[in-house]
C-alpha cells in the first residue's frame, strides 16, 4: 500500500505559503450555540450545572483532505454560582495540517439586577501546530519546503464578556490575543496566527403554549479576512425538540435539529452545504453534537428548561 497520501490541489494552495502571510482561522461550527465556551470564556459556569459537551464536524465530505474538527468542553459553576471554570479541547485537521487547542477558562459573574447578569471571563492555554509535509505526494519531491514535518507550540490568552437574562444574551470576546508566527517568533509583520474577535447574541420569543422561537447570530472578525456572520433561526417544540436553520452569507446554508432526550442529555445533528466554488466537489458538511448536564453537581437549584 502506498504510504503517501494524495492531497487535493486546494490543500496545497492553502498551505504552500505557510511561512509567508498565512493566517490561521479558528474552526467554526453550525451548532455554535451549543459550543459557546469555545469562543467566549465568560460562558463558563452559566449552565448552572456541570456540563460536558462534544461536537464532531466533518466538513466538505467527499473532498479528500477536507477539514475534520473534534471539540470537547467541560464547565461548571463554583462559589455559589458567582464564578465558573471550564476546559476546552479542539482538534482541527485539514489535509496535512493538524491544530490542537487546549485552554482553561475562568469567569466571574455579577448580578446587575434581579433578571440581568454580567459574566466576565479569561482564558489561557496552548495551540499546537503540526504539518505532516513528508506524507504528501508532490510533483517536485525535492522541494525543500516539504521535505520535513513542522511542529510548533504557542501560548494563547483571551477574554470575554457575556450579558444574559432568562430571555436574551449578548457576548463580546477575543479568545486569541497573542499573534505569533508558526516559527515560534512574535512579530508585527506577516502573522501566522491572527487575533479573533467574536460577537454572539440571541433571544427567546414565546409563540404559543408549546412553541418558542430563538433567533441568534455569531459574528467573527479576523485580521486580513472578511467578517463572517452565522445567522440562525431555531424553533423549540414542547421544550424538547429544536429545529433550526443556518445561513452564512457568501459561504453556506444549513439545517439542524436537537432532541432533549432527558433533563440531562441533549443530542443533535446538523448538515450544511457550501455554495462557493468547491460546491461541485463535496456532498456537504455533517455535525454531531452531544451535551450532558450532571445536575447533582450543581451548587444550587437548577432552572429548567434552559434556552442558552
C-alpha atoms as a PDB file:
ATOM      1  CA  UNK A   1       0.000   0.000   0.000  1.00  0.00           C
ATOM      2  CA  UNK A   2       1.268   3.431  -0.890  1.00  0.00           C
ATOM      3  CA  UNK A   3       2.095   5.276   2.293  1.00  0.00           C
ATOM      4  CA  UNK A   4       1.957   8.794   0.927  1.00  0.00           C
ATOM      5  CA  UNK A   5      -1.435  10.349   0.684  1.00  0.00           C
ATOM      6  CA  UNK A   6      -2.563  12.347  -2.309  1.00  0.00           C
ATOM      7  CA  UNK A   7      -3.929  15.719  -1.136  1.00  0.00           C
ATOM      8  CA  UNK A   8      -6.181  17.762  -3.449  1.00  0.00           C
ATOM      9  CA  UNK A   9      -4.743  20.872  -5.032  1.00  0.00           C
ATOM     10  CA  UNK A  10      -6.905  23.064  -2.800  1.00  0.00           C
ATOM     11  CA  UNK A  11      -4.917  21.969   0.249  1.00  0.00           C
ATOM     12  CA  UNK A  12      -1.600  22.638  -1.450  1.00  0.00           C
ATOM     13  CA  UNK A  13      -2.752  26.110  -2.454  1.00  0.00           C
ATOM     14  CA  UNK A  14      -3.835  26.921   1.083  1.00  0.00           C
ATOM     15  CA  UNK A  15      -0.731  25.700   2.861  1.00  0.00           C
ATOM     16  CA  UNK A  16       2.186  26.008   0.414  1.00  0.00           C
ATOM     17  CA  UNK A  17       2.699  29.601   1.605  1.00  0.00           C
ATOM     18  CA  UNK A  18       2.583  28.656   5.254  1.00  0.00           C
ATOM     19  CA  UNK A  19       5.713  30.626   6.107  1.00  0.00           C
ATOM     20  CA  UNK A  20       4.642  33.886   4.445  1.00  0.00           C
ATOM     21  CA  UNK A  21       1.478  35.740   5.192  1.00  0.00           C
ATOM     22  CA  UNK A  22      -0.590  32.658   6.008  1.00  0.00           C
ATOM     23  CA  UNK A  23      -3.152  33.280   8.739  1.00  0.00           C
ATOM     24  CA  UNK A  24      -4.972  30.556  10.625  1.00  0.00           C
ATOM     25  CA  UNK A  25      -8.678  30.916  11.304  1.00  0.00           C
ATOM     26  CA  UNK A  26     -10.192  29.071  14.227  1.00  0.00           C
ATOM     27  CA  UNK A  27     -12.726  26.296  13.494  1.00  0.00           C
ATOM     28  CA  UNK A  28     -16.395  27.194  13.013  1.00  0.00           C
ATOM     29  CA  UNK A  29     -19.497  25.185  13.920  1.00  0.00           C
ATOM     30  CA  UNK A  30     -23.048  25.230  12.583  1.00  0.00           C
ATOM     31  CA  UNK A  31     -24.340  24.358  16.074  1.00  0.00           C
ATOM     32  CA  UNK A  32     -22.212  27.082  17.671  1.00  0.00           C
ATOM     33  CA  UNK A  33     -24.911  27.852  20.254  1.00  0.00           C
ATOM     34  CA  UNK A  34     -24.046  24.546  21.958  1.00  0.00           C
ATOM     35  CA  UNK A  35     -20.334  25.376  21.979  1.00  0.00           C
ATOM     36  CA  UNK A  36     -20.266  28.953  23.291  1.00  0.00           C
ATOM     37  CA  UNK A  37     -17.367  28.305  25.669  1.00  0.00           C
ATOM     38  CA  UNK A  38     -15.090  27.762  22.667  1.00  0.00           C
ATOM     39  CA  UNK A  39     -15.456  31.401  21.578  1.00  0.00           C
ATOM     40  CA  UNK A  40     -16.210  33.116  24.895  1.00  0.00           C
ATOM     41  CA  UNK A  41     -14.633  32.193  28.257  1.00  0.00           C
ATOM     42  CA  UNK A  42     -17.266  34.263  30.107  1.00  0.00           C
ATOM     43  CA  UNK A  43     -19.766  31.495  29.350  1.00  0.00           C
ATOM     44  CA  UNK A  44     -18.042  29.207  31.890  1.00  0.00           C
ATOM     45  CA  UNK A  45     -20.427  28.156  34.639  1.00  0.00           C
ATOM     46  CA  UNK A  46     -23.572  29.752  33.191  1.00  0.00           C
ATOM     47  CA  UNK A  47     -25.091  26.309  32.589  1.00  0.00           C
ATOM     48  CA  UNK A  48     -25.904  26.141  36.348  1.00  0.00           C
ATOM     49  CA  UNK A  49     -24.614  22.548  36.497  1.00  0.00           C
ATOM     50  CA  UNK A  50     -21.532  20.584  35.443  1.00  0.00           C
ATOM     51  CA  UNK A  51     -21.880  20.336  31.659  1.00  0.00           C
ATOM     52  CA  UNK A  52     -19.936  18.193  29.199  1.00  0.00           C
ATOM     53  CA  UNK A  53     -20.310  18.919  25.512  1.00  0.00           C
ATOM     54  CA  UNK A  54     -18.833  17.247  22.427  1.00  0.00           C
ATOM     55  CA  UNK A  55     -19.079  18.250  18.764  1.00  0.00           C
ATOM     56  CA  UNK A  56     -17.792  16.486  15.669  1.00  0.00           C
ATOM     57  CA  UNK A  57     -17.727  18.364  12.365  1.00  0.00           C
ATOM     58  CA  UNK A  58     -16.890  16.658   9.069  1.00  0.00           C
ATOM     59  CA  UNK A  59     -16.610  19.458   6.535  1.00  0.00           C
ATOM     60  CA  UNK A  60     -16.862  19.159   2.743  1.00  0.00           C
ATOM     61  CA  UNK A  61     -17.407  15.378   2.778  1.00  0.00           C
ATOM     62  CA  UNK A  62     -16.219  13.820  -0.480  1.00  0.00           C
ATOM     63  CA  UNK A  63     -13.190  16.078  -0.832  1.00  0.00           C
ATOM     64  CA  UNK A  64     -10.010  14.260   0.125  1.00  0.00           C
ATOM     65  CA  UNK A  65      -8.082  16.065   2.828  1.00  0.00           C
ATOM     66  CA  UNK A  66     -11.148  18.103   3.838  1.00  0.00           C
ATOM     67  CA  UNK A  67     -11.352  19.594   7.362  1.00  0.00           C
ATOM     68  CA  UNK A  68     -12.370  17.440  10.318  1.00  0.00           C
ATOM     69  CA  UNK A  69     -12.939  19.110  13.676  1.00  0.00           C
ATOM     70  CA  UNK A  70     -13.448  17.485  17.079  1.00  0.00           C
ATOM     71  CA  UNK A  71     -14.396  19.614  20.068  1.00  0.00           C
ATOM     72  CA  UNK A  72     -14.899  18.781  23.749  1.00  0.00           C
ATOM     73  CA  UNK A  73     -15.741  21.141  26.596  1.00  0.00           C
ATOM     74  CA  UNK A  74     -16.492  20.833  30.280  1.00  0.00           C
ATOM     75  CA  UNK A  75     -17.528  23.678  32.591  1.00  0.00           C
ATOM     76  CA  UNK A  76     -19.339  24.238  35.872  1.00  0.00           C
ATOM     77  CA  UNK A  77     -20.299  26.985  38.336  1.00  0.00           C
ATOM     78  CA  UNK A  78     -18.419  27.380  41.615  1.00  0.00           C
ATOM     79  CA  UNK A  79     -18.537  29.642  44.687  1.00  0.00           C
ATOM     80  CA  UNK A  80     -22.312  29.727  44.982  1.00  0.00           C
ATOM     81  CA  UNK A  81     -22.723  30.467  41.260  1.00  0.00           C
ATOM     82  CA  UNK A  82     -20.682  33.655  41.347  1.00  0.00           C
ATOM     83  CA  UNK A  83     -17.858  32.085  39.334  1.00  0.00           C
ATOM     84  CA  UNK A  84     -17.317  29.336  36.819  1.00  0.00           C
ATOM     85  CA  UNK A  85     -14.453  27.283  35.410  1.00  0.00           C
ATOM     86  CA  UNK A  86     -14.109  25.302  32.229  1.00  0.00           C
ATOM     87  CA  UNK A  87     -11.805  23.433  29.875  1.00  0.00           C
ATOM     88  CA  UNK A  88     -11.971  23.239  26.085  1.00  0.00           C
ATOM     89  CA  UNK A  89     -10.019  20.977  23.739  1.00  0.00           C
ATOM     90  CA  UNK A  90     -10.377  21.265  19.963  1.00  0.00           C
ATOM     91  CA  UNK A  91      -8.570  19.173  17.348  1.00  0.00           C
ATOM     92  CA  UNK A  92      -8.754  20.575  13.810  1.00  0.00           C
ATOM     93  CA  UNK A  93      -7.387  18.536  10.887  1.00  0.00           C
ATOM     94  CA  UNK A  94      -7.137  19.846   7.315  1.00  0.00           C
ATOM     95  CA  UNK A  95      -5.070  17.798   4.883  1.00  0.00           C
ATOM     96  CA  UNK A  96      -1.536  17.588   6.314  1.00  0.00           C
ATOM     97  CA  UNK A  97      -2.242  20.263   8.929  1.00  0.00           C
ATOM     98  CA  UNK A  98      -3.279  19.377  12.483  1.00  0.00           C
ATOM     99  CA  UNK A  99      -4.076  22.079  15.039  1.00  0.00           C
ATOM    100  CA  UNK A 100      -4.883  21.283  18.661  1.00  0.00           C
ATOM    101  CA  UNK A 101      -6.181  23.959  21.024  1.00  0.00           C
ATOM    102  CA  UNK A 102      -6.321  23.349  24.790  1.00  0.00           C
ATOM    103  CA  UNK A 103      -7.488  26.154  27.074  1.00  0.00           C
ATOM    104  CA  UNK A 104      -8.625  26.704  30.633  1.00  0.00           C
ATOM    105  CA  UNK A 105     -11.411  29.215  31.271  1.00  0.00           C
ATOM    106  CA  UNK A 106     -12.443  31.223  34.329  1.00  0.00           C
ATOM    107  CA  UNK A 107     -15.477  33.514  34.666  1.00  0.00           C
ATOM    108  CA  UNK A 108     -16.854  35.742  37.402  1.00  0.00           C
ATOM    109  CA  UNK A 109     -20.498  36.848  37.386  1.00  0.00           C
ATOM    110  CA  UNK A 110     -22.138  39.994  38.729  1.00  0.00           C
ATOM    111  CA  UNK A 111     -25.905  40.344  39.138  1.00  0.00           C
ATOM    112  CA  UNK A 112     -26.878  43.736  37.718  1.00  0.00           C
ATOM    113  CA  UNK A 113     -30.482  43.324  38.871  1.00  0.00           C
ATOM    114  CA  UNK A 114     -32.952  40.503  39.539  1.00  0.00           C
ATOM    115  CA  UNK A 115     -33.062  39.492  35.873  1.00  0.00           C
ATOM    116  CA  UNK A 116     -29.752  40.571  34.353  1.00  0.00           C
ATOM    117  CA  UNK A 117     -26.309  39.030  34.908  1.00  0.00           C
ATOM    118  CA  UNK A 118     -22.918  40.074  33.546  1.00  0.00           C
ATOM    119  CA  UNK A 119     -20.200  37.436  33.290  1.00  0.00           C
ATOM    120  CA  UNK A 120     -16.543  38.349  32.690  1.00  0.00           C
ATOM    121  CA  UNK A 121     -14.092  35.673  31.656  1.00  0.00           C
ATOM    122  CA  UNK A 122     -10.463  34.982  30.821  1.00  0.00           C
ATOM    123  CA  UNK A 123      -8.781  32.014  29.173  1.00  0.00           C
ATOM    124  CA  UNK A 124      -5.275  30.703  28.766  1.00  0.00           C
ATOM    125  CA  UNK A 125      -3.727  27.706  27.109  1.00  0.00           C
ATOM    126  CA  UNK A 126      -1.656  26.389  24.233  1.00  0.00           C
ATOM    127  CA  UNK A 127      -2.072  25.956  20.496  1.00  0.00           C
ATOM    128  CA  UNK A 128      -0.232  23.001  18.960  1.00  0.00           C
ATOM    129  CA  UNK A 129       0.505  23.095  15.238  1.00  0.00           C
ATOM    130  CA  UNK A 130       1.678  20.107  13.160  1.00  0.00           C
ATOM    131  CA  UNK A 131       2.233  19.949   9.395  1.00  0.00           C
ATOM    132  CA  UNK A 132       2.854  16.466   8.003  1.00  0.00           C
ATOM    133  CA  UNK A 133       4.533  17.582   4.786  1.00  0.00           C
ATOM    134  CA  UNK A 134       6.575  14.379   4.422  1.00  0.00           C
ATOM    135  CA  UNK A 135       3.428  12.355   3.691  1.00  0.00           C
ATOM    136  CA  UNK A 136       2.442  14.495   0.692  1.00  0.00           C
ATOM    137  CA  UNK A 137       2.799  13.191  -2.849  1.00  0.00           C
ATOM    138  CA  UNK A 138       4.410  16.020  -4.803  1.00  0.00           C
ATOM    139  CA  UNK A 139       5.484  16.586  -8.377  1.00  0.00           C
ATOM    140  CA  UNK A 140       8.771  18.015  -7.097  1.00  0.00           C
ATOM    141  CA  UNK A 141       9.784  15.587  -4.359  1.00  0.00           C
ATOM    142  CA  UNK A 142      12.934  17.577  -3.666  1.00  0.00           C
ATOM    143  CA  UNK A 143      11.099  20.792  -2.803  1.00  0.00           C
ATOM    144  CA  UNK A 144      12.825  21.883   0.452  1.00  0.00           C
ATOM    145  CA  UNK A 145       9.575  23.381   1.777  1.00  0.00           C
ATOM    146  CA  UNK A 146       8.032  19.891   2.050  1.00  0.00           C
ATOM    147  CA  UNK A 147      10.920  17.563   2.982  1.00  0.00           C
ATOM    148  CA  UNK A 148      10.369  17.738   6.753  1.00  0.00           C
ATOM    149  CA  UNK A 149       7.383  17.933   9.082  1.00  0.00           C
ATOM    150  CA  UNK A 150       6.803  21.022  11.195  1.00  0.00           C
ATOM    151  CA  UNK A 151       5.769  21.170  14.861  1.00  0.00           C
ATOM    152  CA  UNK A 152       5.074  24.295  16.881  1.00  0.00           C
ATOM    153  CA  UNK A 153       3.519  25.021  20.272  1.00  0.00           C
ATOM    154  CA  UNK A 154       2.438  28.577  21.046  1.00  0.00           C
ATOM    155  CA  UNK A 155       0.747  30.106  24.114  1.00  0.00           C
ATOM    156  CA  UNK A 156      -2.654  31.729  23.934  1.00  0.00           C
ATOM    157  CA  UNK A 157      -4.640  34.209  26.051  1.00  0.00           C
ATOM    158  CA  UNK A 158      -8.167  35.555  25.661  1.00  0.00           C
ATOM    159  CA  UNK A 159     -11.041  37.307  27.402  1.00  0.00           C
ATOM    160  CA  UNK A 160     -14.768  37.811  27.028  1.00  0.00           C
ATOM    161  CA  UNK A 161     -17.956  39.402  28.364  1.00  0.00           C
ATOM    162  CA  UNK A 162     -21.353  37.707  28.444  1.00  0.00           C
ATOM    163  CA  UNK A 163     -24.565  39.528  29.410  1.00  0.00           C
ATOM    164  CA  UNK A 164     -27.685  37.403  29.834  1.00  0.00           C
ATOM    165  CA  UNK A 165     -31.139  37.010  31.332  1.00  0.00           C
ATOM    166  CA  UNK A 166     -33.861  34.370  31.022  1.00  0.00           C
ATOM    167  CA  UNK A 167     -34.887  35.764  27.625  1.00  0.00           C
ATOM    168  CA  UNK A 168     -31.765  37.017  25.835  1.00  0.00           C
ATOM    169  CA  UNK A 169     -27.979  37.027  25.751  1.00  0.00           C
ATOM    170  CA  UNK A 170     -25.169  39.007  24.096  1.00  0.00           C
ATOM    171  CA  UNK A 171     -21.439  38.474  24.270  1.00  0.00           C
ATOM    172  CA  UNK A 172     -18.172  40.012  23.094  1.00  0.00           C
ATOM    173  CA  UNK A 173     -14.897  38.132  23.177  1.00  0.00           C
ATOM    174  CA  UNK A 174     -11.324  37.951  21.933  1.00  0.00           C
ATOM    175  CA  UNK A 175     -10.320  34.311  22.502  1.00  0.00           C
ATOM    176  CA  UNK A 176      -6.969  34.662  20.725  1.00  0.00           C
ATOM    177  CA  UNK A 177      -4.916  37.685  21.770  1.00  0.00           C
ATOM    178  CA  UNK A 178      -1.348  36.520  21.117  1.00  0.00           C
ATOM    179  CA  UNK A 179      -0.312  36.830  17.489  1.00  0.00           C
ATOM    180  CA  UNK A 180       2.588  34.502  16.734  1.00  0.00           C
ATOM    181  CA  UNK A 181       4.256  33.135  13.650  1.00  0.00           C
ATOM    182  CA  UNK A 182       4.462  29.420  13.158  1.00  0.00           C
ATOM    183  CA  UNK A 183       8.214  29.506  13.679  1.00  0.00           C
ATOM    184  CA  UNK A 184       7.512  30.467  17.301  1.00  0.00           C
ATOM    185  CA  UNK A 185       8.515  34.106  16.996  1.00  0.00           C
ATOM    186  CA  UNK A 186       6.444  37.121  17.985  1.00  0.00           C
ATOM    187  CA  UNK A 187       6.212  39.656  15.205  1.00  0.00           C
ATOM    188  CA  UNK A 188       4.383  42.688  13.910  1.00  0.00           C
ATOM    189  CA  UNK A 189       4.536  41.582  10.275  1.00  0.00           C
ATOM    190  CA  UNK A 190       3.037  38.616   8.408  1.00  0.00           C
ATOM    191  CA  UNK A 191       1.438  36.982  11.453  1.00  0.00           C
ATOM    192  CA  UNK A 192       0.640  33.327  11.056  1.00  0.00           C
ATOM    193  CA  UNK A 193      -1.900  33.337  13.882  1.00  0.00           C
ATOM    194  CA  UNK A 194      -4.331  36.227  13.994  1.00  0.00           C
ATOM    195  CA  UNK A 195      -6.447  37.959  16.605  1.00  0.00           C
ATOM    196  CA  UNK A 196     -10.037  36.715  16.560  1.00  0.00           C
ATOM    197  CA  UNK A 197     -12.988  38.817  17.753  1.00  0.00           C
ATOM    198  CA  UNK A 198     -16.494  37.473  18.271  1.00  0.00           C
ATOM    199  CA  UNK A 199     -19.957  38.864  18.872  1.00  0.00           C
ATOM    200  CA  UNK A 200     -22.725  36.474  19.851  1.00  0.00           C
ATOM    201  CA  UNK A 201     -26.344  37.220  20.640  1.00  0.00           C
ATOM    202  CA  UNK A 202     -29.842  35.799  20.683  1.00  0.00           C
ATOM    203  CA  UNK A 203     -33.232  35.906  22.357  1.00  0.00           C
ATOM    204  CA  UNK A 204     -36.207  33.634  23.002  1.00  0.00           C
ATOM    205  CA  UNK A 205     -39.753  34.508  21.941  1.00  0.00           C
ATOM    206  CA  UNK A 206     -42.821  32.559  23.019  1.00  0.00           C
ATOM    207  CA  UNK A 207     -45.092  31.794  20.052  1.00  0.00           C
ATOM    208  CA  UNK A 208     -47.679  29.687  21.855  1.00  0.00           C
ATOM    209  CA  UNK A 209     -48.232  27.121  24.616  1.00  0.00           C
ATOM    210  CA  UNK A 210     -45.714  24.660  23.113  1.00  0.00           C
ATOM    211  CA  UNK A 211     -43.737  26.677  20.583  1.00  0.00           C
ATOM    212  CA  UNK A 212     -40.845  29.089  21.075  1.00  0.00           C
ATOM    213  CA  UNK A 213     -38.684  30.953  18.569  1.00  0.00           C
ATOM    214  CA  UNK A 214     -34.977  31.678  19.061  1.00  0.00           C
ATOM    215  CA  UNK A 215     -33.027  33.752  16.515  1.00  0.00           C
ATOM    216  CA  UNK A 216     -29.290  34.126  17.127  1.00  0.00           C
ATOM    217  CA  UNK A 217     -26.112  35.317  15.462  1.00  0.00           C
ATOM    218  CA  UNK A 218     -22.393  34.689  15.744  1.00  0.00           C
ATOM    219  CA  UNK A 219     -20.139  37.255  14.076  1.00  0.00           C
ATOM    220  CA  UNK A 220     -16.400  36.722  13.799  1.00  0.00           C
ATOM    221  CA  UNK A 221     -13.719  39.160  12.700  1.00  0.00           C
ATOM    222  CA  UNK A 222     -10.148  38.173  11.862  1.00  0.00           C
ATOM    223  CA  UNK A 223      -7.402  40.454  10.559  1.00  0.00           C
ATOM    224  CA  UNK A 224      -6.966  40.297   6.773  1.00  0.00           C
ATOM    225  CA  UNK A 225     -10.128  38.178   6.426  1.00  0.00           C
ATOM    226  CA  UNK A 226     -13.732  39.156   5.668  1.00  0.00           C
ATOM    227  CA  UNK A 227     -16.205  39.368   8.554  1.00  0.00           C
ATOM    228  CA  UNK A 228     -18.212  36.150   8.913  1.00  0.00           C
ATOM    229  CA  UNK A 229     -21.826  36.066  10.100  1.00  0.00           C
ATOM    230  CA  UNK A 230     -23.600  32.889  11.211  1.00  0.00           C
ATOM    231  CA  UNK A 231     -27.327  33.700  11.261  1.00  0.00           C
ATOM    232  CA  UNK A 232     -29.546  31.089  12.887  1.00  0.00           C
ATOM    233  CA  UNK A 233     -33.274  30.625  13.425  1.00  0.00           C
ATOM    234  CA  UNK A 234     -34.493  27.921  15.829  1.00  0.00           C
ATOM    235  CA  UNK A 235     -37.929  26.683  16.824  1.00  0.00           C
ATOM    236  CA  UNK A 236     -38.423  24.825  20.090  1.00  0.00           C
ATOM    237  CA  UNK A 237     -41.367  22.452  20.431  1.00  0.00           C
ATOM    238  CA  UNK A 238     -42.618  21.189  23.789  1.00  0.00           C
ATOM    239  CA  UNK A 239     -39.299  22.182  25.415  1.00  0.00           C
ATOM    240  CA  UNK A 240     -37.764  19.031  23.946  1.00  0.00           C
ATOM    241  CA  UNK A 241     -37.167  19.392  20.209  1.00  0.00           C
ATOM    242  CA  UNK A 242     -35.133  22.116  18.480  1.00  0.00           C
ATOM    243  CA  UNK A 243     -35.492  22.642  14.726  1.00  0.00           C
ATOM    244  CA  UNK A 244     -33.124  25.173  13.194  1.00  0.00           C
ATOM    245  CA  UNK A 245     -31.743  26.720  10.030  1.00  0.00           C
ATOM    246  CA  UNK A 246     -28.415  28.457   9.474  1.00  0.00           C
ATOM    247  CA  UNK A 247     -27.230  30.942   6.857  1.00  0.00           C
ATOM    248  CA  UNK A 248     -23.609  32.029   6.442  1.00  0.00           C
ATOM    249  CA  UNK A 249     -23.693  34.776   3.763  1.00  0.00           C
ATOM    250  CA  UNK A 250     -21.302  34.107   0.922  1.00  0.00           C
ATOM    251  CA  UNK A 251     -20.468  30.634   2.186  1.00  0.00           C
ATOM    252  CA  UNK A 252     -23.085  28.109   3.277  1.00  0.00           C
ATOM    253  CA  UNK A 253     -26.669  27.218   4.123  1.00  0.00           C
ATOM    254  CA  UNK A 254     -27.713  24.509   6.562  1.00  0.00           C
ATOM    255  CA  UNK A 255     -30.238  22.932   8.908  1.00  0.00           C
ATOM    256  CA  UNK A 256     -30.039  21.064  12.201  1.00  0.00           C
ATOM    257  CA  UNK A 257     -32.161  19.520  14.915  1.00  0.00           C
ATOM    258  CA  UNK A 258     -31.591  18.801  18.597  1.00  0.00           C
ATOM    259  CA  UNK A 259     -33.524  16.470  20.878  1.00  0.00           C
ATOM    260  CA  UNK A 260     -33.577  16.750  24.646  1.00  0.00           C
ATOM    261  CA  UNK A 261     -33.641  13.044  25.433  1.00  0.00           C
ATOM    262  CA  UNK A 262     -33.885  13.713  29.168  1.00  0.00           C
ATOM    263  CA  UNK A 263     -33.330  16.551  31.632  1.00  0.00           C
ATOM    264  CA  UNK A 264     -29.633  15.704  31.395  1.00  0.00           C
ATOM    265  CA  UNK A 265     -28.952  14.559  27.824  1.00  0.00           C
ATOM    266  CA  UNK A 266     -29.293  16.502  24.554  1.00  0.00           C
ATOM    267  CA  UNK A 267     -28.188  15.188  21.162  1.00  0.00           C
ATOM    268  CA  UNK A 268     -28.161  16.900  17.791  1.00  0.00           C
ATOM    269  CA  UNK A 269     -27.298  16.607  14.110  1.00  0.00           C
ATOM    270  CA  UNK A 270     -26.555  19.335  11.589  1.00  0.00           C
ATOM    271  CA  UNK A 271     -25.986  19.490   7.838  1.00  0.00           C
ATOM    272  CA  UNK A 272     -24.851  22.370   5.703  1.00  0.00           C
ATOM    273  CA  UNK A 273     -23.688  22.764   2.134  1.00  0.00           C
ATOM    274  CA  UNK A 274     -21.478  25.384   0.582  1.00  0.00           C
ATOM    275  CA  UNK A 275     -22.336  27.433  -2.462  1.00  0.00           C
ATOM    276  CA  UNK A 276     -18.742  28.506  -3.081  1.00  0.00           C
ATOM    277  CA  UNK A 277     -16.562  27.332  -5.981  1.00  0.00           C
ATOM    278  CA  UNK A 278     -15.971  23.898  -4.391  1.00  0.00           C
ATOM    279  CA  UNK A 279     -19.693  23.054  -4.217  1.00  0.00           C
ATOM    280  CA  UNK A 280     -19.408  20.506  -7.046  1.00  0.00           C
ATOM    281  CA  UNK A 281     -16.639  18.567  -5.313  1.00  0.00           C
ATOM    282  CA  UNK A 282     -18.386  17.873  -1.993  1.00  0.00           C
ATOM    283  CA  UNK A 283     -21.639  16.373  -0.722  1.00  0.00           C
ATOM    284  CA  UNK A 284     -21.869  18.720   2.248  1.00  0.00           C
ATOM    285  CA  UNK A 285     -20.847  19.056   5.876  1.00  0.00           C
ATOM    286  CA  UNK A 286     -22.086  16.949   8.802  1.00  0.00           C
ATOM    287  CA  UNK A 287     -22.110  17.735  12.522  1.00  0.00           C
ATOM    288  CA  UNK A 288     -22.971  15.586  15.533  1.00  0.00           C
ATOM    289  CA  UNK A 289     -23.474  17.124  18.990  1.00  0.00           C
ATOM    290  CA  UNK A 290     -23.862  15.542  22.438  1.00  0.00           C
ATOM    291  CA  UNK A 291     -24.402  17.533  25.654  1.00  0.00           C
ATOM    292  CA  UNK A 292     -24.835  16.159  29.174  1.00  0.00           C
ATOM    293  CA  UNK A 293     -25.659  18.004  32.425  1.00  0.00           C
ATOM    294  CA  UNK A 294     -24.603  16.496  35.754  1.00  0.00           C
ATOM    295  CA  UNK A 295     -27.352  18.106  37.808  1.00  0.00           C
ATOM    296  CA  UNK A 296     -26.153  16.536  41.050  1.00  0.00           C
ATOM    297  CA  UNK A 297     -23.009  18.689  40.872  1.00  0.00           C
ATOM    298  CA  UNK A 298     -24.975  21.944  40.704  1.00  0.00           C
ATOM    299  CA  UNK A 299     -24.259  24.251  43.678  1.00  0.00           C
ATOM    300  CA  UNK A 300     -27.939  25.203  43.858  1.00  0.00           C
ATOM    301  CA  UNK A 301     -31.308  24.571  42.294  1.00  0.00           C
ATOM    302  CA  UNK A 302     -31.090  24.170  38.526  1.00  0.00           C
ATOM    303  CA  UNK A 303     -33.618  26.090  36.498  1.00  0.00           C
ATOM    304  CA  UNK A 304     -35.335  24.010  33.828  1.00  0.00           C
ATOM    305  CA  UNK A 305     -35.760  24.486  30.952  1.00  0.00           C
ATOM    306  CA  UNK A 306     -32.702  26.475  29.831  1.00  0.00           C
ATOM    307  CA  UNK A 307     -32.543  28.150  26.436  1.00  0.00           C
ATOM    308  CA  UNK A 308     -28.956  29.466  26.349  1.00  0.00           C
END
